Structures are given as structure tokens and as C-alpha cells.
Amino acid sequence: MDDVRAALQDIFRQVFDDPDLVLTDQLTAADVDGWDSMSHIDLLIAVERHFGIRFATAEMSRLKDPDQNVGTFIDLIHQKLQAK
């Protein structure tokens, strides 16, 4: 498990208050109890703070699209970190 994935696992568990939540690349918002619009914002803010990155508004909205999942989210974080 890479550092981004491990950190994201911890962030997801904190935001969704679920110590047993396990991230997979295929996991989507629909798969996580309580992943609503408010928790989506909380998640993005926690990720931005942890990694020192910023998401554009369009990126934030797109992350909840049906074709998006944790795998695409991790890819986006990697892109942001490389651009720093």
C-alpha cells in the first residue's frame, strides 16, 4: 500500500467514523454509508489539508460522478502531488 493510499484510508475512516472501512480502487460514494454532499466536502477538505493540495471546484464535483471511484481519486491526488 503506497503512502497516499494508507493516508487516505485513515482519512476516510475518520471522516465516515468507520474504523473498519477498507478502501478499494472500485469503491464509490454509493458504497459508503453516510457519503453525502456534506461528508464529501469534509472528505475533500481533510485530504487537502493532509496532503497540502487544492482541488478545483470542477474536480470536486466530478469526483461524485458515476464513473469515479477511489482509484480515480487516488490518481488525482498523485497528479496534484507531482504538480507541487
PDB file of N, CA and C in Angstrom:
ATOM      1  N   MET A   1       0.866  -1.185   0.000  1.00  0.00           N
ATOM      2  CA  MET A   1       0.000   0.000   0.000  1.00  0.00           C
ATOM      3  C   MET A   1       0.906   1.240   0.000  1.00  0.00           C
ATOM      4  N   ASP A   2       0.678   2.125  -0.965  1.00  0.00           N
ATOM      5  CA  ASP A   2       1.521   3.324  -1.016  1.00  0.00           C
ATOM      6  C   ASP A   2       1.104   4.315   0.070  1.00  0.00           C
ATOM      7  N   ASP A   3       1.928   5.331   0.238  1.00  0.00           N
ATOM      8  CA  ASP A   3       1.693   6.307   1.302  1.00  0.00           C
ATOM      9  C   ASP A   3       0.378   7.063   1.124  1.00  0.00           C
ATOM     10  N   VAL A   4       0.041   7.399  -0.125  1.00  0.00           N
ATOM     11  CA  VAL A   4      -1.210   8.125  -0.382  1.00  0.00           C
ATOM     12  C   VAL A   4      -2.397   7.256   0.007  1.00  0.00           C
ATOM     13  N   ARG A   5      -2.371   6.005  -0.421  1.00  0.00           N
ATOM     14  CA  ARG A   5      -3.476   5.094  -0.123  1.00  0.00           C
ATOM     15  C   ARG A   5      -3.613   4.879   1.383  1.00  0.00           C
ATOM     16  N   ALA A   6      -2.505   4.708   2.083  1.00  0.00           N
ATOM     17  CA  ALA A   6      -2.540   4.490   3.537  1.00  0.00           C
ATOM     18  C   ALA A   6      -3.105   5.723   4.251  1.00  0.00           C
ATOM     19  N   ALA A   7      -2.656   6.907   3.849  1.00  0.00           N
ATOM     20  CA  ALA A   7      -3.156   8.140   4.464  1.00  0.00           C
ATOM     21  C   ALA A   7      -4.640   8.320   4.152  1.00  0.00           C
ATOM     22  N   LEU A   8      -5.023   8.031   2.911  1.00  0.00           N
ATOM     23  CA  LEU A   8      -6.414   8.182   2.512  1.00  0.00           C
ATOM     24  C   LEU A   8      -7.310   7.216   3.293  1.00  0.00           C
ATOM     25  N   GLN A   9      -6.811   6.017   3.539  1.00  0.00           N
ATOM     26  CA  GLN A   9      -7.557   5.040   4.335  1.00  0.00           C
ATOM     27  C   GLN A   9      -7.883   5.629   5.711  1.00  0.00           C
ATOM     28  N   ASP A  10      -6.882   6.235   6.336  1.00  0.00           N
ATOM     29  CA  ASP A  10      -7.089   6.841   7.656  1.00  0.00           C
ATOM     30  C   ASP A  10      -8.071   8.011   7.591  1.00  0.00           C
ATOM     31  N   ILE A  11      -7.942   8.835   6.558  1.00  0.00           N
ATOM     32  CA  ILE A  11      -8.831   9.983   6.408  1.00  0.00           C
ATOM     33  C   ILE A  11     -10.272   9.525   6.226  1.00  0.00           C
ATOM     34  N   PHE A  12     -10.485   8.538   5.360  1.00  0.00           N
ATOM     35  CA  PHE A  12     -11.838   8.009   5.140  1.00  0.00           C
ATOM     36  C   PHE A  12     -12.422   7.478   6.441  1.00  0.00           C
ATOM     37  N   ARG A  13     -11.624   6.738   7.194  1.00  0.00           N
ATOM     38  CA  ARG A  13     -12.121   6.170   8.457  1.00  0.00           C
ATOM     39  C   ARG A  13     -12.521   7.265   9.433  1.00  0.00           C
ATOM     40  N   GLN A  14     -11.756   8.358   9.468  1.00  0.00           N
ATOM     41  CA  GLN A  14     -12.084   9.468  10.368  1.00  0.00           C
ATOM     42  C   GLN A  14     -13.333  10.206   9.905  1.00  0.00           C
ATOM     43  N   VAL A  15     -13.378  10.555   8.624  1.00  0.00           N
ATOM     44  CA  VAL A  15     -14.496  11.341   8.104  1.00  0.00           C
ATOM     45  C   VAL A  15     -15.813  10.571   8.225  1.00  0.00           C
ATOM     46  N   PHE A  16     -15.784   9.279   7.925  1.00  0.00           N
ATOM     47  CA  PHE A  16     -17.013   8.490   7.948  1.00  0.00           C
ATOM     48  C   PHE A  16     -17.210   7.739   9.262  1.00  0.00           C
ATOM     49  N   ASP A  17     -16.330   8.001  10.234  1.00  0.00           N
ATOM     50  CA  ASP A  17     -16.430   7.406  11.568  1.00  0.00           C
ATOM     51  C   ASP A  17     -16.651   5.899  11.492  1.00  0.00           C
ATOM     52  N   ASP A  18     -15.788   5.246  10.683  1.00  0.00           N
ATOM     53  CA  ASP A  18     -15.898   3.802  10.480  1.00  0.00           C
ATOM     54  C   ASP A  18     -14.498   3.198  10.482  1.00  0.00           C
ATOM     55  N   PRO A  19     -14.056   2.692  11.646  1.00  0.00           N
ATOM     56  CA  PRO A  19     -12.697   2.152  11.751  1.00  0.00           C
ATOM     57  C   PRO A  19     -12.468   0.895  10.913  1.00  0.00           C
ATOM     58  N   ASP A  20     -13.539   0.295  10.416  1.00  0.00           N
ATOM     59  CA  ASP A  20     -13.408  -0.924   9.624  1.00  0.00           C
ATOM     60  C   ASP A  20     -13.490  -0.676   8.119  1.00  0.00           C
ATOM     61  N   LEU A  21     -13.665   0.573   7.713  1.00  0.00           N
ATOM     62  CA  LEU A  21     -13.784   0.907   6.297  1.00  0.00           C
ATOM     63  C   LEU A  21     -12.483   0.565   5.577  1.00  0.00           C
ATOM     64  N   VAL A  22     -12.587  -0.218   4.505  1.00  0.00           N
ATOM     65  CA  VAL A  22     -11.425  -0.621   3.725  1.00  0.00           C
ATOM     66  C   VAL A  22     -11.568  -0.048   2.321  1.00  0.00           C
ATOM     67  N   LEU A  23     -10.557   0.699   1.900  1.00  0.00           N
ATOM     68  CA  LEU A  23     -10.587   1.290   0.568  1.00  0.00           C
ATOM     69  C   LEU A  23     -10.169   0.290  -0.493  1.00  0.00           C
ATOM     70  N   THR A  24     -10.900   0.299  -1.585  1.00  0.00           N
ATOM     71  CA  THR A  24     -10.502  -0.421  -2.797  1.00  0.00           C
ATOM     72  C   THR A  24     -10.609   0.576  -3.934  1.00  0.00           C
ATOM     73  N   ASP A  25      -9.931   0.309  -5.023  1.00  0.00           N
ATOM     74  CA  ASP A  25      -9.985   1.219  -6.164  1.00  0.00           C
ATOM     75  C   ASP A  25     -11.399   1.352  -6.711  1.00  0.00           C
ATOM     76  N   GLN A  26     -12.210   0.306  -6.577  1.00  0.00           N
ATOM     77  CA  GLN A  26     -13.561   0.306  -7.133  1.00  0.00           C
ATOM     78  C   GLN A  26     -14.597   0.962  -6.223  1.00  0.00           C
ATOM     79  N   LEU A  27     -14.227   1.289  -4.989  1.00  0.00           N
ATOM     80  CA  LEU A  27     -15.161   1.870  -4.020  1.00  0.00           C
ATOM     81  C   LEU A  27     -15.682   3.208  -4.533  1.00  0.00           C
ATOM     82  N   THR A  28     -17.004   3.409  -4.426  1.00  0.00           N
ATOM     83  CA  THR A  28     -17.616   4.671  -4.851  1.00  0.00           C
ATOM     84  C   THR A  28     -18.383   5.275  -3.682  1.00  0.00           C
ATOM     85  N   ALA A  29     -18.849   6.498  -3.884  1.00  0.00           N
ATOM     86  CA  ALA A  29     -19.635   7.177  -2.853  1.00  0.00           C
ATOM     87  C   ALA A  29     -20.875   6.368  -2.494  1.00  0.00           C
ATOM     88  N   ALA A  30     -21.454   5.705  -3.479  1.00  0.00           N
ATOM     89  CA  ALA A  30     -22.667   4.915  -3.241  1.00  0.00           C
ATOM     90  C   ALA A  30     -22.406   3.725  -2.322  1.00  0.00           C
ATOM     91  N   ASP A  31     -21.143   3.293  -2.218  1.00  0.00           N
ATOM     92  CA  ASP A  31     -20.789   2.125  -1.402  1.00  0.00           C
ATOM     93  C   ASP A  31     -20.560   2.456   0.067  1.00  0.00           C
ATOM     94  N   VAL A  32     -20.470   3.745   0.401  1.00  0.00           N
ATOM     95  CA  VAL A  32     -20.101   4.145   1.759  1.00  0.00           C
ATOM     96  C   VAL A  32     -21.299   4.789   2.452  1.00  0.00           C
ATOM     97  N   ASP A  33     -21.712   4.172   3.566  1.00  0.00           N
ATOM     98  CA  ASP A  33     -22.807   4.744   4.350  1.00  0.00           C
ATOM     99  C   ASP A  33     -22.430   6.152   4.810  1.00  0.00           C
ATOM    100  N   GLY A  34     -23.338   7.084   4.602  1.00  0.00           N
ATOM    101  CA  GLY A  34     -23.114   8.442   5.075  1.00  0.00           C
ATOM    102  C   GLY A  34     -22.340   9.335   4.123  1.00  0.00           C
ATOM    103  N   TRP A  35     -21.976   8.820   2.931  1.00  0.00           N
ATOM    104  CA  TRP A  35     -21.239   9.659   1.986  1.00  0.00           C
ATOM    105  C   TRP A  35     -22.251  10.510   1.235  1.00  0.00           C
ATOM    106  N   ASP A  36     -22.562  11.649   1.823  1.00  0.00           N
ATOM    107  CA  ASP A  36     -23.497  12.585   1.213  1.00  0.00           C
ATOM    108  C   ASP A  36     -22.723  13.844   0.822  1.00  0.00           C
ATOM    109  N   SER A  37     -23.430  14.868   0.410  1.00  0.00           N
ATOM    110  CA  SER A  37     -22.778  16.101  -0.059  1.00  0.00           C
ATOM    111  C   SER A  37     -21.922  16.738   1.024  1.00  0.00           C
ATOM    112  N   MET A  38     -22.415  16.748   2.254  1.00  0.00           N
ATOM    113  CA  MET A  38     -21.665  17.368   3.347  1.00  0.00           C
ATOM    114  C   MET A  38     -20.402  16.568   3.682  1.00  0.00           C
ATOM    115  N   SER A  39     -20.521  15.261   3.771  1.00  0.00           N
ATOM    116  CA  SER A  39     -19.338  14.457   4.086  1.00  0.00           C
ATOM    117  C   SER A  39     -18.349  14.476   2.919  1.00  0.00           C
ATOM    118  N   HIS A  40     -18.855  14.654   1.703  1.00  0.00           N
ATOM    119  CA  HIS A  40     -17.976  14.775   0.532  1.00  0.00           C
ATOM    120  C   HIS A  40     -17.066  15.999   0.694  1.00  0.00           C
ATOM    121  N   ILE A  41     -17.651  17.104   1.110  1.00  0.00           N
ATOM    122  CA  ILE A  41     -16.871  18.331   1.345  1.00  0.00           C
ATOM    123  C   ILE A  41     -15.884  18.111   2.492  1.00  0.00           C
ATOM    124  N   ASP A  42     -16.342  17.487   3.573  1.00  0.00           N
ATOM    125  CA  ASP A  42     -15.460  17.196   4.717  1.00  0.00           C
ATOM    126  C   ASP A  42     -14.275  16.342   4.275  1.00  0.00           C
ATOM    127  N   LEU A  43     -14.555  15.347   3.446  1.00  0.00           N
ATOM    128  CA  LEU A  43     -13.506  14.453   2.954  1.00  0.00           C
ATOM    129  C   LEU A  43     -12.484  15.232   2.126  1.00  0.00           C
ATOM    130  N   LEU A  44     -12.969  16.043   1.215  1.00  0.00           N
ATOM    131  CA  LEU A  44     -12.056  16.801   0.352  1.00  0.00           C
ATOM    132  C   LEU A  44     -11.211  17.789   1.149  1.00  0.00           C
ATOM    133  N   ILE A  45     -11.814  18.439   2.125  1.00  0.00           N
ATOM    134  CA  ILE A  45     -11.062  19.377   2.965  1.00  0.00           C
ATOM    135  C   ILE A  45      -9.987  18.634   3.763  1.00  0.00           C
ATOM    136  N   ALA A  46     -10.337  17.489   4.311  1.00  0.00           N
ATOM    137  CA  ALA A  46      -9.367  16.695   5.084  1.00  0.00           C
ATOM    138  C   ALA A  46      -8.210  16.249   4.191  1.00  0.00           C
ATOM    139  N   VAL A  47      -8.514  15.853   2.961  1.00  0.00           N
ATOM    140  CA  VAL A  47      -7.469  15.418   2.023  1.00  0.00           C
ATOM    141  C   VAL A  47      -6.586  16.608   1.634  1.00  0.00           C
ATOM    142  N   GLU A  48      -7.206  17.740   1.355  1.00  0.00           N
ATOM    143  CA  GLU A  48      -6.425  18.934   1.003  1.00  0.00           C
ATOM    144  C   GLU A  48      -5.471  19.318   2.132  1.00  0.00           C
ATOM    145  N   ARG A  49      -5.970  19.309   3.348  1.00  0.00           N
ATOM    146  CA  ARG A  49      -5.131  19.674   4.496  1.00  0.00           C
ATOM    147  C   ARG A  49      -3.987  18.687   4.693  1.00  0.00           C
ATOM    148  N   HIS A  50      -4.315  17.402   4.621  1.00  0.00           N
ATOM    149  CA  HIS A  50      -3.299  16.383   4.869  1.00  0.00           C
ATOM    150  C   HIS A  50      -2.167  16.445   3.843  1.00  0.00           C
ATOM    151  N   PHE A  51      -2.530  16.560   2.574  1.00  0.00           N
ATOM    152  CA  PHE A  51      -1.535  16.495   1.508  1.00  0.00           C
ATOM    153  C   PHE A  51      -1.021  17.869   1.069  1.00  0.00           C
ATOM    154  N   GLY A  52      -1.632  18.949   1.559  1.00  0.00           N
ATOM    155  CA  GLY A  52      -1.202  20.281   1.166  1.00  0.00           C
ATOM    156  C   GLY A  52      -1.505  20.586  -0.294  1.00  0.00           C
ATOM    157  N   ILE A  53      -2.654  20.103  -0.767  1.00  0.00           N
ATOM    158  CA  ILE A  53      -3.068  20.319  -2.151  1.00  0.00           C
ATOM    159  C   ILE A  53      -4.419  21.020  -2.172  1.00  0.00           C
ATOM    160  N   ARG A  54      -4.829  21.480  -3.351  1.00  0.00           N
ATOM    161  CA  ARG A  54      -6.140  22.118  -3.509  1.00  0.00           C
ATOM    162  C   ARG A  54      -6.845  21.487  -4.701  1.00  0.00           C
ATOM    163  N   PHE A  55      -8.141  21.274  -4.540  1.00  0.00           N
ATOM    164  CA  PHE A  55      -8.965  20.771  -5.636  1.00  0.00           C
ATOM    165  C   PHE A  55      -9.747  21.925  -6.230  1.00  0.00           C
ATOM    166  N   ALA A  56      -9.816  21.972  -7.556  1.00  0.00           N
ATOM    167  CA  ALA A  56     -10.655  22.953  -8.238  1.00  0.00           C
ATOM    168  C   ALA A  56     -12.112  22.555  -8.024  1.00  0.00           C
ATOM    169  N   THR A  57     -13.008  23.514  -8.113  1.00  0.00           N
ATOM    170  CA  THR A  57     -14.433  23.246  -7.923  1.00  0.00           C
ATOM    171  C   THR A  57     -14.921  22.159  -8.878  1.00  0.00           C
ATOM    172  N   ALA A  58     -14.497  22.219 -10.126  1.00  0.00           N
ATOM    173  CA  ALA A  58     -14.911  21.216 -11.115  1.00  0.00           C
ATOM    174  C   ALA A  58     -14.421  19.819 -10.719  1.00  0.00           C
ATOM    175  N   GLU A  59     -13.213  19.733 -10.182  1.00  0.00           N
ATOM    176  CA  GLU A  59     -12.682  18.435  -9.744  1.00  0.00           C
ATOM    177  C   GLU A  59     -13.502  17.890  -8.581  1.00  0.00           C
ATOM    178  N   MET A  60     -13.873  18.768  -7.665  1.00  0.00           N
ATOM    179  CA  MET A  60     -14.664  18.340  -6.508  1.00  0.00           C
ATOM    180  C   MET A  60     -16.002  17.760  -6.953  1.00  0.00           C
ATOM    181  N   SER A  61     -16.679  18.441  -7.883  1.00  0.00           N
ATOM    182  CA  SER A  61     -17.986  17.962  -8.333  1.00  0.00           C
ATOM    183  C   SER A  61     -17.855  16.668  -9.124  1.00  0.00           C
ATOM    184  N   ARG A  62     -16.837  16.594  -9.956  1.00  0.00           N
ATOM    185  CA  ARG A  62     -16.653  15.421 -10.817  1.00  0.00           C
ATOM    186  C   ARG A  62     -16.404  14.147 -10.003  1.00  0.00           C
ATOM    187  N   LEU A  63     -15.819  14.286  -8.820  1.00  0.00           N
ATOM    188  CA  LEU A  63     -15.497  13.112  -8.012  1.00  0.00           C
ATOM    189  C   LEU A  63     -16.730  12.304  -7.603  1.00  0.00           C
ATOM    190  N   LYS A  64     -17.910  12.917  -7.661  1.00  0.00           N
ATOM    191  CA  LYS A  64     -19.123  12.179  -7.307  1.00  0.00           C
ATOM    192  C   LYS A  64     -19.839  11.624  -8.534  1.00  0.00           C
ATOM    193  N   ASP A  65     -19.264  11.812  -9.720  1.00  0.00           N
ATOM    194  CA  ASP A  65     -19.856  11.267 -10.945  1.00  0.00           C
ATOM    195  C   ASP A  65     -19.850   9.744 -10.891  1.00  0.00           C
ATOM    196  N   PRO A  66     -20.791   9.105 -11.592  1.00  0.00           N
ATOM    197  CA  PRO A  66     -20.909   7.641 -11.551  1.00  0.00           C
ATOM    198  C   PRO A  66     -19.658   6.884 -11.995  1.00  0.00           C
ATOM    199  N   ASP A  67     -18.849   7.478 -12.885  1.00  0.00           N
ATOM    200  CA  ASP A  67     -17.658   6.769 -13.370  1.00  0.00           C
ATOM    201  C   ASP A  67     -16.431   6.993 -12.488  1.00  0.00           C
ATOM    202  N   GLN A  68     -16.599   7.698 -11.380  1.00  0.00           N
ATOM    203  CA  GLN A  68     -15.488   7.988 -10.479  1.00  0.00           C
ATOM    204  C   GLN A  68     -15.488   7.010  -9.302  1.00  0.00           C
ATOM    205  N   ASN A  69     -14.279   6.722  -8.809  1.00  0.00           N
ATOM    206  CA  ASN A  69     -14.155   5.831  -7.656  1.00  0.00           C
ATOM    207  C   ASN A  69     -12.891   6.206  -6.882  1.00  0.00           C
ATOM    208  N   VAL A  70     -12.595   5.457  -5.858  1.00  0.00           N
ATOM    209  CA  VAL A  70     -11.420   5.759  -5.037  1.00  0.00           C
ATOM    210  C   VAL A  70     -10.144   5.673  -5.876  1.00  0.00           C
ATOM    211  N   GLY A  71     -10.104   4.766  -6.820  1.00  0.00           N
ATOM    212  CA  GLY A  71      -8.928   4.651  -7.694  1.00  0.00           C
ATOM    213  C   GLY A  71      -8.673   5.924  -8.479  1.00  0.00           C
ATOM    214  N   THR A  72      -9.723   6.522  -9.032  1.00  0.00           N
ATOM    215  CA  THR A  72      -9.548   7.773  -9.782  1.00  0.00           C
ATOM    216  C   THR A  72      -9.214   8.925  -8.831  1.00  0.00           C
ATOM    217  N   PHE A  73      -9.734   8.868  -7.616  1.00  0.00           N
ATOM    218  CA  PHE A  73      -9.423   9.875  -6.602  1.00  0.00           C
ATOM    219  C   PHE A  73      -7.936   9.809  -6.233  1.00  0.00           C
ATOM    220  N   ILE A  74      -7.422   8.613  -6.042  1.00  0.00           N
ATOM    221  CA  ILE A  74      -6.006   8.429  -5.720  1.00  0.00           C
ATOM    222  C   ILE A  74      -5.141   8.936  -6.875  1.00  0.00           C
ATOM    223  N   ASP A  75      -5.550   8.646  -8.112  1.00  0.00           N
ATOM    224  CA  ASP A  75      -4.807   9.138  -9.279  1.00  0.00           C
ATOM    225  C   ASP A  75      -4.760  10.669  -9.281  1.00  0.00           C
ATOM    226  N   LEU A  76      -5.889  11.299  -8.969  1.00  0.00           N
ATOM    227  CA  LEU A  76      -5.956  12.760  -8.929  1.00  0.00           C
ATOM    228  C   LEU A  76      -5.030  13.312  -7.849  1.00  0.00           C
ATOM    229  N   ILE A  77      -5.016  12.684  -6.685  1.00  0.00           N
ATOM    230  CA  ILE A  77      -4.126  13.122  -5.601  1.00  0.00           C
ATOM    231  C   ILE A  77      -2.667  13.010  -6.041  1.00  0.00           C
ATOM    232  N   HIS A  78      -2.311  11.896  -6.682  1.00  0.00           N
ATOM    233  CA  HIS A  78      -0.940  11.722  -7.183  1.00  0.00           C
ATOM    234  C   HIS A  78      -0.583  12.832  -8.174  1.00  0.00           C
ATOM    235  N   GLN A  79      -1.511  13.172  -9.062  1.00  0.00           N
ATOM    236  CA  GLN A  79      -1.271  14.248 -10.040  1.00  0.00           C
ATOM    237  C   GLN A  79      -1.024  15.577  -9.331  1.00  0.00           C
ATOM    238  N   LYS A  80      -1.833  15.861  -8.331  1.00  0.00           N
ATOM    239  CA  LYS A  80      -1.692  17.102  -7.573  1.00  0.00           C
ATOM    240  C   LYS A  80      -0.349  17.156  -6.838  1.00  0.00           C
ATOM    241  N   LEU A  81       0.050  16.037  -6.271  1.00  0.00           N
ATOM    242  CA  LEU A  81       1.314  15.984  -5.533  1.00  0.00           C
ATOM    243  C   LEU A  81       2.503  16.156  -6.482  1.00  0.00           C
ATOM    244  N   GLN A  82       2.423  15.587  -7.672  1.00  0.00           N
ATOM    245  CA  GLN A  82       3.511  15.727  -8.639  1.00  0.00           C
ATOM    246  C   GLN A  82       3.629  17.154  -9.151  1.00  0.00           C
ATOM    247  N   ALA A  83       2.498  17.861  -9.193  1.00  0.00           N
ATOM    248  CA  ALA A  83       2.487  19.235  -9.695  1.00  0.00           C
ATOM    249  C   ALA A  83       2.970  20.252  -8.661  1.00  0.00           C
ATOM    250  N   LYS A  84       3.105  19.814  -7.410  1.00  0.00           N
ATOM    251  CA  LYS A  84       3.514  20.746  -6.336  1.00  0.00           C
ATOM    252  C   LYS A  84       4.956  21.177  -6.523  1.00  0.00           C
TER     253      LYS A  84
END
